[in-house]
């Protein structure tokens, strides 16, 4: 028996109980993932154990920096200021306009559409990405998002003043 089989042996060990994934709620108006506000320390109640199941989160200097949610794979739910909203692959650009109003900027290139919503003087960004130009594919919530950088605004052809009001 080699040394690797020693570490992989389960003799005398209890098998861990598989935990049911906790359904994460993402509030797109309050900029909150679970109980954690974007730009804050991860709340003790948020384990984010299901990360990798259609979503990911990132931290910067110990603070929640972004969340990315793949439509159709993410098993959590979305709210807007605490009120449940229906978002899925059938969600259209017009549906997003009805829910969130006019975006700060919309990029239409290479058949893809990205609607950029900027909040808190451009320090919070919410993106709705339609990879085929029709079906919603990804929602991204970011602290100091893509358009907060002048080079990115130039690359996207943004002509509006910054920071947004």
C-alpha atoms as a PDB file:
ATOM      1  CA  UNK A   1       0.000   0.000   0.000  1.00  0.00           C
ATOM      2  CA  UNK A   2       1.524   3.331  -1.045  1.00  0.00           C
ATOM      3  CA  UNK A   3       1.478   6.610   0.822  1.00  0.00           C
ATOM      4  CA  UNK A   4      -1.247   8.057  -1.403  1.00  0.00           C
ATOM      5  CA  UNK A   5      -3.608   5.239  -0.482  1.00  0.00           C
ATOM      6  CA  UNK A   6      -3.083   6.159   3.185  1.00  0.00           C
ATOM      7  CA  UNK A   7      -4.445   9.650   2.596  1.00  0.00           C
ATOM      8  CA  UNK A   8      -7.342   8.450   0.474  1.00  0.00           C
ATOM      9  CA  UNK A   9      -8.355   5.658   2.852  1.00  0.00           C
ATOM     10  CA  UNK A  10     -11.729   6.103   4.492  1.00  0.00           C
ATOM     11  CA  UNK A  11     -11.221   3.444   7.205  1.00  0.00           C
ATOM     12  CA  UNK A  12     -12.552   4.668  10.514  1.00  0.00           C
ATOM     13  CA  UNK A  13     -13.744   7.968   9.082  1.00  0.00           C
ATOM     14  CA  UNK A  14     -17.319   9.139   8.896  1.00  0.00           C
ATOM     15  CA  UNK A  15     -18.454  10.051   5.451  1.00  0.00           C
ATOM     16  CA  UNK A  16     -19.470  13.699   5.266  1.00  0.00           C
ATOM     17  CA  UNK A  17     -23.154  14.354   4.843  1.00  0.00           C
ATOM     18  CA  UNK A  18     -23.935  16.054   1.594  1.00  0.00           C
ATOM     19  CA  UNK A  19     -25.509  19.425   2.307  1.00  0.00           C
ATOM     20  CA  UNK A  20     -28.326  20.735   0.209  1.00  0.00           C
ATOM     21  CA  UNK A  21     -27.232  23.863  -1.621  1.00  0.00           C
ATOM     22  CA  UNK A  22     -28.563  27.057  -0.123  1.00  0.00           C
ATOM     23  CA  UNK A  23     -30.585  29.080  -2.602  1.00  0.00           C
ATOM     24  CA  UNK A  24     -28.875  32.434  -3.015  1.00  0.00           C
ATOM     25  CA  UNK A  25     -30.981  35.545  -3.532  1.00  0.00           C
ATOM     26  CA  UNK A  26     -29.418  38.334  -5.592  1.00  0.00           C
ATOM     27  CA  UNK A  27     -30.946  41.782  -5.128  1.00  0.00           C
ATOM     28  CA  UNK A  28     -30.144  43.715  -8.284  1.00  0.00           C
ATOM     29  CA  UNK A  29     -31.455  47.033  -6.926  1.00  0.00           C
ATOM     30  CA  UNK A  30     -29.820  46.845  -3.483  1.00  0.00           C
ATOM     31  CA  UNK A  31     -26.610  45.378  -5.000  1.00  0.00           C
ATOM     32  CA  UNK A  32     -26.630  42.473  -2.582  1.00  0.00           C
ATOM     33  CA  UNK A  33     -25.679  38.810  -2.974  1.00  0.00           C
ATOM     34  CA  UNK A  34     -27.232  36.799  -0.173  1.00  0.00           C
ATOM     35  CA  UNK A  35     -26.871  39.063   2.859  1.00  0.00           C
ATOM     36  CA  UNK A  36     -23.682  40.724   1.623  1.00  0.00           C
ATOM     37  CA  UNK A  37     -23.705  44.151   0.026  1.00  0.00           C
ATOM     38  CA  UNK A  38     -21.316  44.704  -2.848  1.00  0.00           C
ATOM     39  CA  UNK A  39     -18.174  46.368  -1.447  1.00  0.00           C
ATOM     40  CA  UNK A  40     -18.677  44.882   2.056  1.00  0.00           C
ATOM     41  CA  UNK A  41     -17.109  42.047   4.013  1.00  0.00           C
ATOM     42  CA  UNK A  42     -18.766  38.694   3.356  1.00  0.00           C
ATOM     43  CA  UNK A  43     -21.607  38.290   5.862  1.00  0.00           C
ATOM     44  CA  UNK A  44     -21.234  35.390   8.309  1.00  0.00           C
ATOM     45  CA  UNK A  45     -24.561  34.022   7.052  1.00  0.00           C
ATOM     46  CA  UNK A  46     -23.245  33.764   3.475  1.00  0.00           C
ATOM     47  CA  UNK A  47     -21.194  30.633   2.902  1.00  0.00           C
ATOM     48  CA  UNK A  48     -21.395  30.831  -0.904  1.00  0.00           C
ATOM     49  CA  UNK A  49     -20.942  27.025  -0.937  1.00  0.00           C
ATOM     50  CA  UNK A  50     -22.753  26.686  -4.245  1.00  0.00           C
ATOM     51  CA  UNK A  51     -20.347  28.972  -6.106  1.00  0.00           C
ATOM     52  CA  UNK A  52     -19.418  27.287  -9.349  1.00  0.00           C
ATOM     53  CA  UNK A  53     -22.968  26.170 -10.069  1.00  0.00           C
ATOM     54  CA  UNK A  54     -23.671  28.809 -12.675  1.00  0.00           C
ATOM     55  CA  UNK A  55     -22.218  31.668 -10.688  1.00  0.00           C
ATOM     56  CA  UNK A  56     -19.068  33.049  -9.164  1.00  0.00           C
ATOM     57  CA  UNK A  57     -18.141  35.786  -6.732  1.00  0.00           C
ATOM     58  CA  UNK A  58     -14.868  37.614  -6.300  1.00  0.00           C
ATOM     59  CA  UNK A  59     -13.356  39.592  -3.476  1.00  0.00           C
ATOM     60  CA  UNK A  60     -10.854  42.403  -3.394  1.00  0.00           C
ATOM     61  CA  UNK A  61      -9.092  43.299  -0.149  1.00  0.00           C
ATOM     62  CA  UNK A  62     -11.545  41.068   1.721  1.00  0.00           C
ATOM     63  CA  UNK A  63     -14.632  42.820   0.327  1.00  0.00           C
ATOM     64  CA  UNK A  64     -17.230  41.471  -2.113  1.00  0.00           C
ATOM     65  CA  UNK A  65     -16.098  42.822  -5.488  1.00  0.00           C
ATOM     66  CA  UNK A  66     -18.345  41.130  -8.038  1.00  0.00           C
ATOM     67  CA  UNK A  67     -20.900  38.453  -8.772  1.00  0.00           C
ATOM     68  CA  UNK A  68     -21.443  36.824 -12.153  1.00  0.00           C
ATOM     69  CA  UNK A  69     -24.603  34.793 -12.794  1.00  0.00           C
ATOM     70  CA  UNK A  70     -25.127  32.516 -15.787  1.00  0.00           C
ATOM     71  CA  UNK A  71     -28.784  32.458 -16.788  1.00  0.00           C
ATOM     72  CA  UNK A  72     -30.131  28.922 -16.959  1.00  0.00           C
ATOM     73  CA  UNK A  73     -27.414  27.479 -14.695  1.00  0.00           C
ATOM     74  CA  UNK A  74     -27.674  29.675 -11.580  1.00  0.00           C
ATOM     75  CA  UNK A  75     -30.268  28.095  -9.289  1.00  0.00           C
ATOM     76  CA  UNK A  76     -30.817  31.105  -7.047  1.00  0.00           C
ATOM     77  CA  UNK A  77     -33.355  33.873  -7.462  1.00  0.00           C
ATOM     78  CA  UNK A  78     -33.393  37.582  -8.221  1.00  0.00           C
ATOM     79  CA  UNK A  79     -35.115  40.440  -6.470  1.00  0.00           C
ATOM     80  CA  UNK A  80     -35.388  44.160  -7.026  1.00  0.00           C
ATOM     81  CA  UNK A  81     -35.439  46.051  -3.710  1.00  0.00           C
ATOM     82  CA  UNK A  82     -36.587  42.844  -2.006  1.00  0.00           C
ATOM     83  CA  UNK A  83     -39.403  42.118  -4.469  1.00  0.00           C
ATOM     84  CA  UNK A  84     -39.045  38.902  -6.501  1.00  0.00           C
ATOM     85  CA  UNK A  85     -38.534  39.376 -10.235  1.00  0.00           C
ATOM     86  CA  UNK A  86     -38.638  36.789 -12.986  1.00  0.00           C
ATOM     87  CA  UNK A  87     -35.451  36.673 -15.016  1.00  0.00           C
ATOM     88  CA  UNK A  88     -34.505  33.846 -17.345  1.00  0.00           C
ATOM     89  CA  UNK A  89     -33.310  32.971 -20.845  1.00  0.00           C
ATOM     90  CA  UNK A  90     -36.577  34.349 -22.253  1.00  0.00           C
ATOM     91  CA  UNK A  91     -35.976  37.773 -20.670  1.00  0.00           C
ATOM     92  CA  UNK A  92     -35.653  40.377 -23.421  1.00  0.00           C
ATOM     93  CA  UNK A  93     -33.955  43.745 -23.576  1.00  0.00           C
ATOM     94  CA  UNK A  94     -37.427  45.325 -23.379  1.00  0.00           C
ATOM     95  CA  UNK A  95     -38.138  43.354 -20.190  1.00  0.00           C
ATOM     96  CA  UNK A  96     -34.944  44.734 -18.639  1.00  0.00           C
ATOM     97  CA  UNK A  97     -35.909  48.264 -19.735  1.00  0.00           C
ATOM     98  CA  UNK A  98     -39.294  47.865 -18.019  1.00  0.00           C
ATOM     99  CA  UNK A  99     -37.687  46.609 -14.800  1.00  0.00           C
ATOM    100  CA  UNK A 100     -34.642  48.898 -14.608  1.00  0.00           C
ATOM    101  CA  UNK A 101     -35.275  51.823 -16.933  1.00  0.00           C
ATOM    102  CA  UNK A 102     -32.825  53.205 -19.465  1.00  0.00           C
ATOM    103  CA  UNK A 103     -29.251  51.937 -19.088  1.00  0.00           C
ATOM    104  CA  UNK A 104     -26.339  54.327 -18.831  1.00  0.00           C
ATOM    105  CA  UNK A 105     -24.899  52.710 -21.971  1.00  0.00           C
ATOM    106  CA  UNK A 106     -25.736  49.884 -24.359  1.00  0.00           C
ATOM    107  CA  UNK A 107     -23.018  48.210 -26.388  1.00  0.00           C
ATOM    108  CA  UNK A 108     -24.052  46.434 -29.586  1.00  0.00           C
ATOM    109  CA  UNK A 109     -21.081  44.753 -31.229  1.00  0.00           C
ATOM    110  CA  UNK A 110     -20.328  41.388 -32.805  1.00  0.00           C
ATOM    111  CA  UNK A 111     -23.993  40.374 -32.496  1.00  0.00           C
ATOM    112  CA  UNK A 112     -23.818  40.748 -28.715  1.00  0.00           C
ATOM    113  CA  UNK A 113     -25.662  43.312 -26.578  1.00  0.00           C
ATOM    114  CA  UNK A 114     -24.518  44.489 -23.139  1.00  0.00           C
ATOM    115  CA  UNK A 115     -26.719  46.873 -21.156  1.00  0.00           C
ATOM    116  CA  UNK A 116     -24.676  48.814 -18.565  1.00  0.00           C
ATOM    117  CA  UNK A 117     -26.432  50.304 -15.540  1.00  0.00           C
ATOM    118  CA  UNK A 118     -24.297  52.575 -13.359  1.00  0.00           C
ATOM    119  CA  UNK A 119     -25.160  53.419  -9.750  1.00  0.00           C
ATOM    120  CA  UNK A 120     -23.623  55.411  -6.905  1.00  0.00           C
ATOM    121  CA  UNK A 121     -21.759  57.805  -9.224  1.00  0.00           C
ATOM    122  CA  UNK A 122     -20.338  54.917 -11.245  1.00  0.00           C
ATOM    123  CA  UNK A 123     -18.958  52.907  -8.320  1.00  0.00           C
ATOM    124  CA  UNK A 124     -21.472  50.070  -8.844  1.00  0.00           C
ATOM    125  CA  UNK A 125     -22.197  48.527 -12.235  1.00  0.00           C
ATOM    126  CA  UNK A 126     -24.937  46.097 -13.246  1.00  0.00           C
ATOM    127  CA  UNK A 127     -24.611  44.438 -16.655  1.00  0.00           C
ATOM    128  CA  UNK A 128     -27.151  42.420 -18.611  1.00  0.00           C
ATOM    129  CA  UNK A 129     -25.454  40.496 -21.412  1.00  0.00           C
ATOM    130  CA  UNK A 130     -27.283  39.061 -24.410  1.00  0.00           C
ATOM    131  CA  UNK A 131     -24.574  36.976 -26.166  1.00  0.00           C
ATOM    132  CA  UNK A 132     -26.702  36.326 -29.263  1.00  0.00           C
ATOM    133  CA  UNK A 133     -28.316  39.763 -29.155  1.00  0.00           C
ATOM    134  CA  UNK A 134     -31.658  38.249 -28.100  1.00  0.00           C
ATOM    135  CA  UNK A 135     -31.505  35.861 -25.134  1.00  0.00           C
ATOM    136  CA  UNK A 136     -30.243  36.994 -21.739  1.00  0.00           C
ATOM    137  CA  UNK A 137     -27.139  34.957 -20.922  1.00  0.00           C
ATOM    138  CA  UNK A 138     -25.250  36.615 -18.064  1.00  0.00           C
ATOM    139  CA  UNK A 139     -25.888  39.126 -15.294  1.00  0.00           C
ATOM    140  CA  UNK A 140     -22.846  40.738 -13.679  1.00  0.00           C
ATOM    141  CA  UNK A 141     -22.832  42.954 -10.600  1.00  0.00           C
ATOM    142  CA  UNK A 142     -19.507  44.754 -10.020  1.00  0.00           C
ATOM    143  CA  UNK A 143     -17.904  47.222  -7.655  1.00  0.00           C
ATOM    144  CA  UNK A 144     -16.042  49.810  -9.751  1.00  0.00           C
ATOM    145  CA  UNK A 145     -17.158  48.106 -12.947  1.00  0.00           C
ATOM    146  CA  UNK A 146     -15.839  47.990 -16.475  1.00  0.00           C
ATOM    147  CA  UNK A 147     -16.992  51.484 -17.437  1.00  0.00           C
ATOM    148  CA  UNK A 148     -15.399  53.058 -14.355  1.00  0.00           C
ATOM    149  CA  UNK A 149     -12.125  52.997 -16.330  1.00  0.00           C
ATOM    150  CA  UNK A 150     -11.645  55.700 -18.977  1.00  0.00           C
ATOM    151  CA  UNK A 151      -9.877  53.271 -21.328  1.00  0.00           C
ATOM    152  CA  UNK A 152     -12.852  50.916 -21.240  1.00  0.00           C
ATOM    153  CA  UNK A 153     -15.342  53.731 -21.836  1.00  0.00           C
ATOM    154  CA  UNK A 154     -13.288  54.706 -24.877  1.00  0.00           C
ATOM    155  CA  UNK A 155     -13.139  51.081 -26.103  1.00  0.00           C
ATOM    156  CA  UNK A 156     -16.931  50.792 -25.794  1.00  0.00           C
ATOM    157  CA  UNK A 157     -17.424  54.128 -27.559  1.00  0.00           C
ATOM    158  CA  UNK A 158     -19.143  55.756 -24.579  1.00  0.00           C
ATOM    159  CA  UNK A 159     -20.025  59.374 -25.324  1.00  0.00           C
ATOM    160  CA  UNK A 160     -21.887  60.229 -22.110  1.00  0.00           C
ATOM    161  CA  UNK A 161     -20.265  62.206 -19.280  1.00  0.00           C
ATOM    162  CA  UNK A 162     -18.600  60.369 -16.397  1.00  0.00           C
ATOM    163  CA  UNK A 163     -19.388  59.829 -13.614  1.00  0.00           C
ATOM    164  CA  UNK A 164     -23.084  59.299 -14.316  1.00  0.00           C
ATOM    165  CA  UNK A 165     -25.562  61.304 -12.296  1.00  0.00           C
END
